[in-house]
Amino acid sequence: MLVNLDIDDFITETIGRAHSLLVEIERTENSYGVYSSSVQQDGRCGRPSYVRSKGQLSYLIEQGFKLQEIATMLDVSCRTVKRRMMSYGLSVSGTYSTIDDNQPDELTR
């Protein structure tokens, strides 16, 4: 049974765009699991710890991702990322520029 609805083209296009956005959001949310964490049971009391390699964290920091973005990608809390970074001796400040205050003036002259 076919029903002929007289729907404005704008509404049809808007619904199509909304559907495309929802599909993209679902695809994006599902892709965050790419870096899913494995859990380490070490026999101690308390919650298990998430295993993250130093190289993985180092790479994400070097690529310029913010801590919250890294936490989202790895599906862990921002605090977990900070603790892991401290245990590996990693720092976001290591990615900052090392030029002094006078160099920008010299470079722009």
PDB file of N, CA and C in Angstrom:
ATOM      1  N   MET A   1       0.845  -1.178   0.000  1.00  0.00           N
ATOM      2  CA  MET A   1       0.000   0.000   0.000  1.00  0.00           C
ATOM      3  C   MET A   1       0.891   1.242   0.000  1.00  0.00           C
ATOM      4  N   LEU A   2       0.755   2.074  -0.986  1.00  0.00           N
ATOM      5  CA  LEU A   2       1.509   3.308  -1.087  1.00  0.00           C
ATOM      6  C   LEU A   2       0.683   4.472  -0.562  1.00  0.00           C
ATOM      7  N   VAL A   3       1.354   5.318   0.202  1.00  0.00           N
ATOM      8  CA  VAL A   3       0.698   6.512   0.721  1.00  0.00           C
ATOM      9  C   VAL A   3       1.429   7.702   0.153  1.00  0.00           C
ATOM     10  N   ASN A   4       0.728   8.607  -0.429  1.00  0.00           N
ATOM     11  CA  ASN A   4       1.331   9.804  -0.993  1.00  0.00           C
ATOM     12  C   ASN A   4       1.183  10.939   0.015  1.00  0.00           C
ATOM     13  N   LEU A   5       2.314  11.303   0.628  1.00  0.00           N
ATOM     14  CA  LEU A   5       2.307  12.403   1.583  1.00  0.00           C
ATOM     15  C   LEU A   5       2.896  13.633   0.925  1.00  0.00           C
ATOM     16  N   ASP A   6       2.254  14.739   1.121  1.00  0.00           N
ATOM     17  CA  ASP A   6       2.737  15.991   0.561  1.00  0.00           C
ATOM     18  C   ASP A   6       3.595  16.678   1.621  1.00  0.00           C
ATOM     19  N   ILE A   7       4.907  16.299   1.642  1.00  0.00           N
ATOM     20  CA  ILE A   7       5.834  16.838   2.640  1.00  0.00           C
ATOM     21  C   ILE A   7       6.791  17.785   1.943  1.00  0.00           C
ATOM     22  N   ASP A   8       7.004  18.914   2.571  1.00  0.00           N
ATOM     23  CA  ASP A   8       7.904  19.930   2.045  1.00  0.00           C
ATOM     24  C   ASP A   8       9.316  19.356   1.890  1.00  0.00           C
ATOM     25  N   ASP A   9      10.021  19.734   0.816  1.00  0.00           N
ATOM     26  CA  ASP A   9      11.380  19.246   0.563  1.00  0.00           C
ATOM     27  C   ASP A   9      12.336  19.608   1.696  1.00  0.00           C
ATOM     28  N   PHE A  10      12.163  20.777   2.297  1.00  0.00           N
ATOM     29  CA  PHE A  10      13.021  21.201   3.401  1.00  0.00           C
ATOM     30  C   PHE A  10      12.933  20.213   4.560  1.00  0.00           C
ATOM     31  N   ILE A  11      11.732  19.792   4.887  1.00  0.00           N
ATOM     32  CA  ILE A  11      11.527  18.843   5.989  1.00  0.00           C
ATOM     33  C   ILE A  11      12.170  17.505   5.647  1.00  0.00           C
ATOM     34  N   THR A  12      11.995  17.058   4.425  1.00  0.00           N
ATOM     35  CA  THR A  12      12.582  15.796   3.998  1.00  0.00           C
ATOM     36  C   THR A  12      14.108  15.853   4.079  1.00  0.00           C
ATOM     37  N   GLU A  13      14.700  16.934   3.603  1.00  0.00           N
ATOM     38  CA  GLU A  13      16.153  17.092   3.656  1.00  0.00           C
ATOM     39  C   GLU A  13      16.646  17.174   5.096  1.00  0.00           C
ATOM     40  N   THR A  14      15.926  17.882   5.953  1.00  0.00           N
ATOM     41  CA  THR A  14      16.316  18.017   7.357  1.00  0.00           C
ATOM     42  C   THR A  14      16.285  16.665   8.060  1.00  0.00           C
ATOM     43  N   ILE A  15      15.265  15.889   7.802  1.00  0.00           N
ATOM     44  CA  ILE A  15      15.171  14.556   8.398  1.00  0.00           C
ATOM     45  C   ILE A  15      16.313  13.679   7.877  1.00  0.00           C
ATOM     46  N   GLY A  16      16.643  13.788   6.613  1.00  0.00           N
ATOM     47  CA  GLY A  16      17.752  13.028   6.048  1.00  0.00           C
ATOM     48  C   GLY A  16      19.082  13.400   6.687  1.00  0.00           C
ATOM     49  N   ARG A  17      19.321  14.706   6.900  1.00  0.00           N
ATOM     50  CA  ARG A  17      20.555  15.158   7.550  1.00  0.00           C
ATOM     51  C   ARG A  17      20.613  14.681   8.996  1.00  0.00           C
ATOM     52  N   ALA A  18      19.472  14.749   9.691  1.00  0.00           N
ATOM     53  CA  ALA A  18      19.423  14.290  11.078  1.00  0.00           C
ATOM     54  C   ALA A  18      19.745  12.794  11.152  1.00  0.00           C
ATOM     55  N   HIS A  19      19.214  12.028  10.221  1.00  0.00           N
ATOM     56  CA  HIS A  19      19.496  10.594  10.186  1.00  0.00           C
ATOM     57  C   HIS A  19      20.984  10.350   9.944  1.00  0.00           C
ATOM     58  N   SER A  20      21.570  11.082   9.007  1.00  0.00           N
ATOM     59  CA  SER A  20      23.002  10.932   8.719  1.00  0.00           C
ATOM     60  C   SER A  20      23.849  11.263   9.945  1.00  0.00           C
ATOM     61  N   LEU A  21      23.483  12.322  10.674  1.00  0.00           N
ATOM     62  CA  LEU A  21      24.220  12.694  11.879  1.00  0.00           C
ATOM     63  C   LEU A  21      24.116  11.612  12.951  1.00  0.00           C
ATOM     64  N   LEU A  22      22.933  11.043  13.118  1.00  0.00           N
ATOM     65  CA  LEU A  22      22.760   9.985  14.110  1.00  0.00           C
ATOM     66  C   LEU A  22      23.585   8.752  13.752  1.00  0.00           C
ATOM     67  N   VAL A  23      23.636   8.417  12.476  1.00  0.00           N
ATOM     68  CA  VAL A  23      24.443   7.283  12.032  1.00  0.00           C
ATOM     69  C   VAL A  23      25.917   7.566  12.295  1.00  0.00           C
ATOM     70  N   GLU A  24      26.376   8.793  12.029  1.00  0.00           N
ATOM     71  CA  GLU A  24      27.775   9.172  12.263  1.00  0.00           C
ATOM     72  C   GLU A  24      28.114   9.135  13.752  1.00  0.00           C
ATOM     73  N   ILE A  25      27.204   9.619  14.589  1.00  0.00           N
ATOM     74  CA  ILE A  25      27.431   9.593  16.038  1.00  0.00           C
ATOM     75  C   ILE A  25      27.549   8.157  16.523  1.00  0.00           C
ATOM     76  N   GLU A  26      26.682   7.297  16.065  1.00  0.00           N
ATOM     77  CA  GLU A  26      26.737   5.893  16.468  1.00  0.00           C
ATOM     78  C   GLU A  26      28.044   5.247  16.012  1.00  0.00           C
ATOM     79  N   ARG A  27      28.471   5.547  14.791  1.00  0.00           N
ATOM     80  CA  ARG A  27      29.721   4.996  14.274  1.00  0.00           C
ATOM     81  C   ARG A  27      30.900   5.489  15.098  1.00  0.00           C
ATOM     82  N   THR A  28      30.897   6.771  15.446  1.00  0.00           N
ATOM     83  CA  THR A  28      31.974   7.363  16.226  1.00  0.00           C
ATOM     84  C   THR A  28      32.019   6.765  17.627  1.00  0.00           C
ATOM     85  N   GLU A  29      30.867   6.635  18.265  1.00  0.00           N
ATOM     86  CA  GLU A  29      30.832   6.063  19.611  1.00  0.00           C
ATOM     87  C   GLU A  29      31.344   4.634  19.606  1.00  0.00           C
ATOM     88  N   ASN A  30      31.030   3.884  18.579  1.00  0.00           N
ATOM     89  CA  ASN A  30      31.485   2.499  18.506  1.00  0.00           C
ATOM     90  C   ASN A  30      32.978   2.415  18.210  1.00  0.00           C
ATOM     91  N   SER A  31      33.549   3.435  17.581  1.00  0.00           N
ATOM     92  CA  SER A  31      34.974   3.385  17.245  1.00  0.00           C
ATOM     93  C   SER A  31      35.860   3.686  18.441  1.00  0.00           C
ATOM     94  N   TYR A  32      35.304   4.260  19.525  1.00  0.00           N
ATOM     95  CA  TYR A  32      36.122   4.545  20.696  1.00  0.00           C
ATOM     96  C   TYR A  32      36.661   3.275  21.333  1.00  0.00           C
ATOM     97  N   GLY A  33      36.015   2.148  21.089  1.00  0.00           N
ATOM     98  CA  GLY A  33      36.459   0.892  21.675  1.00  0.00           C
ATOM     99  C   GLY A  33      37.722   0.348  21.044  1.00  0.00           C
ATOM    100  N   VAL A  34      38.282   1.031  20.046  1.00  0.00           N
ATOM    101  CA  VAL A  34      39.477   0.553  19.363  1.00  0.00           C
ATOM    102  C   VAL A  34      40.620   0.379  20.345  1.00  0.00           C
ATOM    103  N   TYR A  35      40.729   1.281  21.309  1.00  0.00           N
ATOM    104  CA  TYR A  35      41.812   1.228  22.288  1.00  0.00           C
ATOM    105  C   TYR A  35      41.303   0.726  23.630  1.00  0.00           C
ATOM    106  N   SER A  36      40.461  -0.282  23.617  1.00  0.00           N
ATOM    107  CA  SER A  36      39.881  -0.733  24.876  1.00  0.00           C
ATOM    108  C   SER A  36      40.974  -1.222  25.821  1.00  0.00           C
ATOM    109  N   SER A  37      40.733  -1.022  27.083  1.00  0.00           N
ATOM    110  CA  SER A  37      41.722  -1.334  28.106  1.00  0.00           C
ATOM    111  C   SER A  37      41.627  -2.787  28.528  1.00  0.00           C
ATOM    112  N   SER A  38      42.792  -3.387  28.737  1.00  0.00           N
ATOM    113  CA  SER A  38      42.786  -4.677  29.385  1.00  0.00           C
ATOM    114  C   SER A  38      42.953  -4.430  30.873  1.00  0.00           C
ATOM    115  N   VAL A  39      42.497  -5.358  31.688  1.00  0.00           N
ATOM    116  CA  VAL A  39      42.507  -5.174  33.127  1.00  0.00           C
ATOM    117  C   VAL A  39      43.567  -6.081  33.730  1.00  0.00           C
ATOM    118  N   GLN A  40      44.330  -5.528  34.653  1.00  0.00           N
ATOM    119  CA  GLN A  40      45.406  -6.277  35.301  1.00  0.00           C
ATOM    120  C   GLN A  40      44.972  -6.666  36.706  1.00  0.00           C
ATOM    121  N   GLN A  41      44.953  -7.963  36.979  1.00  0.00           N
ATOM    122  CA  GLN A  41      44.679  -8.468  38.318  1.00  0.00           C
ATOM    123  C   GLN A  41      46.024  -8.834  38.941  1.00  0.00           C
ATOM    124  N   ASP A  42      46.424  -8.115  39.972  1.00  0.00           N
ATOM    125  CA  ASP A  42      47.739  -8.398  40.557  1.00  0.00           C
ATOM    126  C   ASP A  42      47.646  -9.048  41.933  1.00  0.00           C
ATOM    127  N   GLY A  43      46.467  -9.484  42.328  1.00  0.00           N
ATOM    128  CA  GLY A  43      46.308 -10.188  43.590  1.00  0.00           C
ATOM    129  C   GLY A  43      46.151  -9.291  44.801  1.00  0.00           C
ATOM    130  N   ARG A  44      46.264  -7.979  44.601  1.00  0.00           N
ATOM    131  CA  ARG A  44      46.096  -7.065  45.721  1.00  0.00           C
ATOM    132  C   ARG A  44      44.622  -6.738  45.899  1.00  0.00           C
ATOM    133  N   CYS A  45      44.295  -6.201  47.064  1.00  0.00           N
ATOM    134  CA  CYS A  45      42.922  -5.777  47.327  1.00  0.00           C
ATOM    135  C   CYS A  45      42.621  -4.515  46.531  1.00  0.00           C
ATOM    136  N   GLY A  46      41.362  -4.275  46.297  1.00  0.00           N
ATOM    137  CA  GLY A  46      40.958  -3.071  45.584  1.00  0.00           C
ATOM    138  C   GLY A  46      40.604  -3.365  44.145  1.00  0.00           C
ATOM    139  N   ARG A  47      40.302  -2.323  43.445  1.00  0.00           N
ATOM    140  CA  ARG A  47      39.892  -2.498  42.052  1.00  0.00           C
ATOM    141  C   ARG A  47      41.087  -2.864  41.183  1.00  0.00           C
ATOM    142  N   PRO A  48      40.836  -3.572  40.082  1.00  0.00           N
ATOM    143  CA  PRO A  48      41.940  -3.889  39.171  1.00  0.00           C
ATOM    144  C   PRO A  48      42.393  -2.640  38.434  1.00  0.00           C
ATOM    145  N   SER A  49      43.618  -2.631  37.964  1.00  0.00           N
ATOM    146  CA  SER A  49      44.117  -1.466  37.235  1.00  0.00           C
ATOM    147  C   SER A  49      44.040  -1.720  35.738  1.00  0.00           C
ATOM    148  N   TYR A  50      43.837  -0.653  34.989  1.00  0.00           N
ATOM    149  CA  TYR A  50      43.790  -0.738  33.535  1.00  0.00           C
ATOM    150  C   TYR A  50      45.213  -0.688  32.995  1.00  0.00           C
ATOM    151  N   VAL A  51      45.495  -1.552  32.065  1.00  0.00           N
ATOM    152  CA  VAL A  51      46.834  -1.624  31.492  1.00  0.00           C
ATOM    153  C   VAL A  51      46.912  -0.680  30.298  1.00  0.00           C
ATOM    154  N   ARG A  52      47.864   0.220  30.344  1.00  0.00           N
ATOM    155  CA  ARG A  52      48.144   1.158  29.265  1.00  0.00           C
ATOM    156  C   ARG A  52      49.637   1.152  29.047  1.00  0.00           C
ATOM    157  N   SER A  53      50.057   1.046  27.819  1.00  0.00           N
ATOM    158  CA  SER A  53      51.493   1.056  27.579  1.00  0.00           C
ATOM    159  C   SER A  53      52.006   2.495  27.573  1.00  0.00           C
ATOM    160  N   LYS A  54      53.251   2.642  27.951  1.00  0.00           N
ATOM    161  CA  LYS A  54      53.890   3.957  27.942  1.00  0.00           C
ATOM    162  C   LYS A  54      53.906   4.501  26.515  1.00  0.00           C
ATOM    163  N   GLY A  55      54.175   3.635  25.558  1.00  0.00           N
ATOM    164  CA  GLY A  55      54.225   4.064  24.162  1.00  0.00           C
ATOM    165  C   GLY A  55      52.895   4.588  23.660  1.00  0.00           C
ATOM    166  N   GLN A  56      51.812   3.936  24.075  1.00  0.00           N
ATOM    167  CA  GLN A  56      50.485   4.366  23.640  1.00  0.00           C
ATOM    168  C   GLN A  56      50.167   5.760  24.178  1.00  0.00           C
ATOM    169  N   LEU A  57      50.394   5.960  25.469  1.00  0.00           N
ATOM    170  CA  LEU A  57      50.134   7.273  26.053  1.00  0.00           C
ATOM    171  C   LEU A  57      51.059   8.330  25.464  1.00  0.00           C
ATOM    172  N   SER A  58      52.324   7.987  25.313  1.00  0.00           N
ATOM    173  CA  SER A  58      53.299   8.915  24.762  1.00  0.00           C
ATOM    174  C   SER A  58      52.896   9.350  23.355  1.00  0.00           C
ATOM    175  N   TYR A  59      52.464   8.404  22.543  1.00  0.00           N
ATOM    176  CA  TYR A  59      52.047   8.716  21.175  1.00  0.00           C
ATOM    177  C   TYR A  59      50.855   9.675  21.164  1.00  0.00           C
ATOM    178  N   LEU A  60      49.857   9.405  21.992  1.00  0.00           N
ATOM    179  CA  LEU A  60      48.662  10.260  22.010  1.00  0.00           C
ATOM    180  C   LEU A  60      49.002  11.664  22.495  1.00  0.00           C
ATOM    181  N   ILE A  61      49.900  11.766  23.469  1.00  0.00           N
ATOM    182  CA  ILE A  61      50.327  13.087  23.958  1.00  0.00           C
ATOM    183  C   ILE A  61      51.079  13.833  22.861  1.00  0.00           C
ATOM    184  N   GLU A  62      51.993  13.148  22.175  1.00  0.00           N
ATOM    185  CA  GLU A  62      52.770  13.769  21.100  1.00  0.00           C
ATOM    186  C   GLU A  62      51.879  14.241  19.955  1.00  0.00           C
ATOM    187  N   GLN A  63      50.756  13.569  19.753  1.00  0.00           N
ATOM    188  CA  GLN A  63      49.836  13.963  18.692  1.00  0.00           C
ATOM    189  C   GLN A  63      48.991  15.175  19.074  1.00  0.00           C
ATOM    190  N   GLY A  64      49.148  15.645  20.308  1.00  0.00           N
ATOM    191  CA  GLY A  64      48.481  16.875  20.737  1.00  0.00           C
ATOM    192  C   GLY A  64      47.104  16.674  21.340  1.00  0.00           C
ATOM    193  N   PHE A  65      46.752  15.433  21.687  1.00  0.00           N
ATOM    194  CA  PHE A  65      45.450  15.202  22.296  1.00  0.00           C
ATOM    195  C   PHE A  65      45.458  15.700  23.733  1.00  0.00           C
ATOM    196  N   LYS A  66      44.327  16.255  24.156  1.00  0.00           N
ATOM    197  CA  LYS A  66      44.163  16.703  25.534  1.00  0.00           C
ATOM    198  C   LYS A  66      43.890  15.489  26.415  1.00  0.00           C
ATOM    199  N   LEU A  67      44.137  15.640  27.719  1.00  0.00           N
ATOM    200  CA  LEU A  67      43.942  14.519  28.636  1.00  0.00           C
ATOM    201  C   LEU A  67      42.523  13.964  28.566  1.00  0.00           C
ATOM    202  N   GLN A  68      41.543  14.852  28.506  1.00  0.00           N
ATOM    203  CA  GLN A  68      40.152  14.392  28.449  1.00  0.00           C
ATOM    204  C   GLN A  68      39.894  13.613  27.164  1.00  0.00           C
ATOM    205  N   GLU A  69      40.478  14.044  26.054  1.00  0.00           N
ATOM    206  CA  GLU A  69      40.316  13.326  24.789  1.00  0.00           C
ATOM    207  C   GLU A  69      40.975  11.951  24.855  1.00  0.00           C
ATOM    208  N   ILE A  70      42.143  11.883  25.483  1.00  0.00           N
ATOM    209  CA  ILE A  70      42.829  10.597  25.636  1.00  0.00           C
ATOM    210  C   ILE A  70      41.991   9.669  26.498  1.00  0.00           C
ATOM    211  N   ALA A  71      41.454  10.191  27.587  1.00  0.00           N
ATOM    212  CA  ALA A  71      40.621   9.390  28.476  1.00  0.00           C
ATOM    213  C   ALA A  71      39.401   8.845  27.734  1.00  0.00           C
ATOM    214  N   THR A  72      38.791   9.668  26.911  1.00  0.00           N
ATOM    215  CA  THR A  72      37.627   9.231  26.148  1.00  0.00           C
ATOM    216  C   THR A  72      38.009   8.144  25.150  1.00  0.00           C
ATOM    217  N   MET A  73      39.123   8.335  24.450  1.00  0.00           N
ATOM    218  CA  MET A  73      39.560   7.336  23.472  1.00  0.00           C
ATOM    219  C   MET A  73      39.886   6.001  24.132  1.00  0.00           C
ATOM    220  N   LEU A  74      40.458   6.067  25.329  1.00  0.00           N
ATOM    221  CA  LEU A  74      40.876   4.850  26.011  1.00  0.00           C
ATOM    222  C   LEU A  74      39.783   4.274  26.899  1.00  0.00           C
ATOM    223  N   ASP A  75      38.669   4.986  26.989  1.00  0.00           N
ATOM    224  CA  ASP A  75      37.520   4.555  27.780  1.00  0.00           C
ATOM    225  C   ASP A  75      37.885   4.384  29.256  1.00  0.00           C
ATOM    226  N   VAL A  76      38.646   5.352  29.769  1.00  0.00           N
ATOM    227  CA  VAL A  76      38.995   5.400  31.187  1.00  0.00           C
ATOM    228  C   VAL A  76      38.786   6.833  31.673  1.00  0.00           C
ATOM    229  N   SER A  77      38.910   7.047  32.975  1.00  0.00           N
ATOM    230  CA  SER A  77      38.737   8.395  33.502  1.00  0.00           C
ATOM    231  C   SER A  77      39.986   9.232  33.253  1.00  0.00           C
ATOM    232  N   CYS A  78      39.810  10.533  33.310  1.00  0.00           N
ATOM    233  CA  CYS A  78      40.930  11.463  33.147  1.00  0.00           C
ATOM    234  C   CYS A  78      41.946  11.233  34.272  1.00  0.00           C
ATOM    235  N   ARG A  79      41.468  10.935  35.459  1.00  0.00           N
ATOM    236  CA  ARG A  79      42.347  10.674  36.598  1.00  0.00           C
ATOM    237  C   ARG A  79      43.208   9.433  36.345  1.00  0.00           C
ATOM    238  N   THR A  80      42.631   8.404  35.718  1.00  0.00           N
ATOM    239  CA  THR A  80      43.394   7.198  35.391  1.00  0.00           C
ATOM    240  C   THR A  80      44.521   7.534  34.426  1.00  0.00           C
ATOM    241  N   VAL A  81      44.234   8.377  33.440  1.00  0.00           N
ATOM    242  CA  VAL A  81      45.271   8.788  32.484  1.00  0.00           C
ATOM    243  C   VAL A  81      46.377   9.536  33.220  1.00  0.00           C
ATOM    244  N   LYS A  82      46.000  10.451  34.114  1.00  0.00           N
ATOM    245  CA  LYS A  82      47.000  11.215  34.874  1.00  0.00           C
ATOM    246  C   LYS A  82      47.872  10.297  35.734  1.00  0.00           C
ATOM    247  N   ARG A  83      47.240   9.329  36.420  1.00  0.00           N
ATOM    248  CA  ARG A  83      48.010   8.401  37.261  1.00  0.00           C
ATOM    249  C   ARG A  83      48.994   7.590  36.425  1.00  0.00           C
ATOM    250  N   ARG A  84      48.528   7.097  35.281  1.00  0.00           N
ATOM    251  CA  ARG A  84      49.392   6.303  34.408  1.00  0.00           C
ATOM    252  C   ARG A  84      50.548   7.152  33.900  1.00  0.00           C
ATOM    253  N   MET A  85      50.260   8.406  33.519  1.00  0.00           N
ATOM    254  CA  MET A  85      51.313   9.298  33.039  1.00  0.00           C
ATOM    255  C   MET A  85      52.355   9.529  34.128  1.00  0.00           C
ATOM    256  N   MET A  86      51.894   9.736  35.359  1.00  0.00           N
ATOM    257  CA  MET A  86      52.840   9.949  36.461  1.00  0.00           C
ATOM    258  C   MET A  86      53.693   8.705  36.680  1.00  0.00           C
ATOM    259  N   SER A  87      53.081   7.528  36.606  1.00  0.00           N
ATOM    260  CA  SER A  87      53.854   6.303  36.845  1.00  0.00           C
ATOM    261  C   SER A  87      54.885   6.058  35.747  1.00  0.00           C
ATOM    262  N   TYR A  88      54.628   6.546  34.526  1.00  0.00           N
ATOM    263  CA  TYR A  88      55.569   6.391  33.416  1.00  0.00           C
ATOM    264  C   TYR A  88      56.512   7.586  33.266  1.00  0.00           C
ATOM    265  N   GLY A  89      56.309   8.623  34.082  1.00  0.00           N
ATOM    266  CA  GLY A  89      57.154   9.812  33.990  1.00  0.00           C
ATOM    267  C   GLY A  89      56.833  10.665  32.770  1.00  0.00           C
ATOM    268  N   LEU A  90      55.590  10.595  32.294  1.00  0.00           N
ATOM    269  CA  LEU A  90      55.180  11.395  31.134  1.00  0.00           C
ATOM    270  C   LEU A  90      54.533  12.688  31.593  1.00  0.00           C
ATOM    271  N   SER A  91      54.626  13.714  30.752  1.00  0.00           N
ATOM    272  CA  SER A  91      54.050  15.007  31.081  1.00  0.00           C
ATOM    273  C   SER A  91      53.596  15.710  29.814  1.00  0.00           C
ATOM    274  N   VAL A  92      52.461  16.352  29.897  1.00  0.00           N
ATOM    275  CA  VAL A  92      51.983  17.143  28.773  1.00  0.00           C
ATOM    276  C   VAL A  92      52.866  18.362  28.582  1.00  0.00           C
ATOM    277  N   SER A  93      53.423  18.872  29.673  1.00  0.00           N
ATOM    278  CA  SER A  93      54.267  20.064  29.571  1.00  0.00           C
ATOM    279  C   SER A  93      55.532  19.791  28.755  1.00  0.00           C
ATOM    280  N   GLY A  94      55.893  18.541  28.589  1.00  0.00           N
ATOM    281  CA  GLY A  94      57.038  18.207  27.758  1.00  0.00           C
ATOM    282  C   GLY A  94      56.809  18.498  26.290  1.00  0.00           C
ATOM    283  N   THR A  95      55.559  18.726  25.912  1.00  0.00           N
ATOM    284  CA  THR A  95      55.238  19.032  24.515  1.00  0.00           C
ATOM    285  C   THR A  95      55.164  20.526  24.252  1.00  0.00           C
ATOM    286  N   TYR A  96      55.315  21.336  25.288  1.00  0.00           N
ATOM    287  CA  TYR A  96      55.249  22.785  25.126  1.00  0.00           C
ATOM    288  C   TYR A  96      56.508  23.308  24.463  1.00  0.00           C
ATOM    289  N   SER A  97      56.396  24.468  23.880  1.00  0.00           N
ATOM    290  CA  SER A  97      57.534  25.111  23.224  1.00  0.00           C
ATOM    291  C   SER A  97      58.586  25.514  24.258  1.00  0.00           C
ATOM    292  N   THR A  98      59.830  25.504  23.832  1.00  0.00           N
ATOM    293  CA  THR A  98      60.921  25.863  24.743  1.00  0.00           C
ATOM    294  C   THR A  98      61.532  27.222  24.405  1.00  0.00           C
ATOM    295  N   ILE A  99      60.857  28.017  23.570  1.00  0.00           N
ATOM    296  CA  ILE A  99      61.418  29.331  23.236  1.00  0.00           C
ATOM    297  C   ILE A  99      61.209  30.287  24.404  1.00  0.00           C
ATOM    298  N   ASP A 100      62.127  31.256  24.540  1.00  0.00           N
ATOM    299  CA  ASP A 100      61.989  32.217  25.621  1.00  0.00           C
ATOM    300  C   ASP A 100      61.165  33.416  25.147  1.00  0.00           C
ATOM    301  N   ASP A 101      60.917  34.351  26.037  1.00  0.00           N
ATOM    302  CA  ASP A 101      60.051  35.490  25.746  1.00  0.00           C
ATOM    303  C   ASP A 101      60.567  36.387  24.628  1.00  0.00           C
ATOM    304  N   ASN A 102      61.869  36.470  24.427  1.00  0.00           N
ATOM    305  CA  ASN A 102      62.439  37.360  23.424  1.00  0.00           C
ATOM    306  C   ASN A 102      62.403  36.771  22.018  1.00  0.00           C
ATOM    307  N   GLN A 103      62.418  35.470  21.914  1.00  0.00           N
ATOM    308  CA  GLN A 103      62.489  34.852  20.593  1.00  0.00           C
ATOM    309  C   GLN A 103      61.296  35.165  19.683  1.00  0.00           C
ATOM    310  N   PRO A 104      60.056  35.201  20.175  1.00  0.00           N
ATOM    311  CA  PRO A 104      58.960  35.551  19.263  1.00  0.00           C
ATOM    312  C   PRO A 104      59.138  36.930  18.638  1.00  0.00           C
ATOM    313  N   ASP A 105      59.665  37.904  19.428  1.00  0.00           N
ATOM    314  CA  ASP A 105      59.904  39.235  18.897  1.00  0.00           C
ATOM    315  C   ASP A 105      60.977  39.204  17.802  1.00  0.00           C
ATOM    316  N   GLU A 106      62.011  38.430  18.030  1.00  0.00           N
ATOM    317  CA  GLU A 106      63.081  38.314  17.050  1.00  0.00           C
ATOM    318  C   GLU A 106      62.615  37.621  15.787  1.00  0.00           C
ATOM    319  N   LEU A 107      61.745  36.637  15.931  1.00  0.00           N
ATOM    320  CA  LEU A 107      61.259  35.882  14.783  1.00  0.00           C
ATOM    321  C   LEU A 107      60.307  36.687  13.901  1.00  0.00           C
ATOM    322  N   THR A 108      59.597  37.646  14.502  1.00  0.00           N
ATOM    323  CA  THR A 108      58.615  38.416  13.735  1.00  0.00           C
ATOM    324  C   THR A 108      59.170  39.691  13.142  1.00  0.00           C
ATOM    325  N   ARG A 109      60.429  40.009  13.392  1.00  0.00           N
ATOM    326  CA  ARG A 109      61.024  41.233  12.837  1.00  0.00           C
ATOM    327  C   ARG A 109      61.485  41.018  11.432  1.00  0.00           C
TER     328      ARG A 109
END
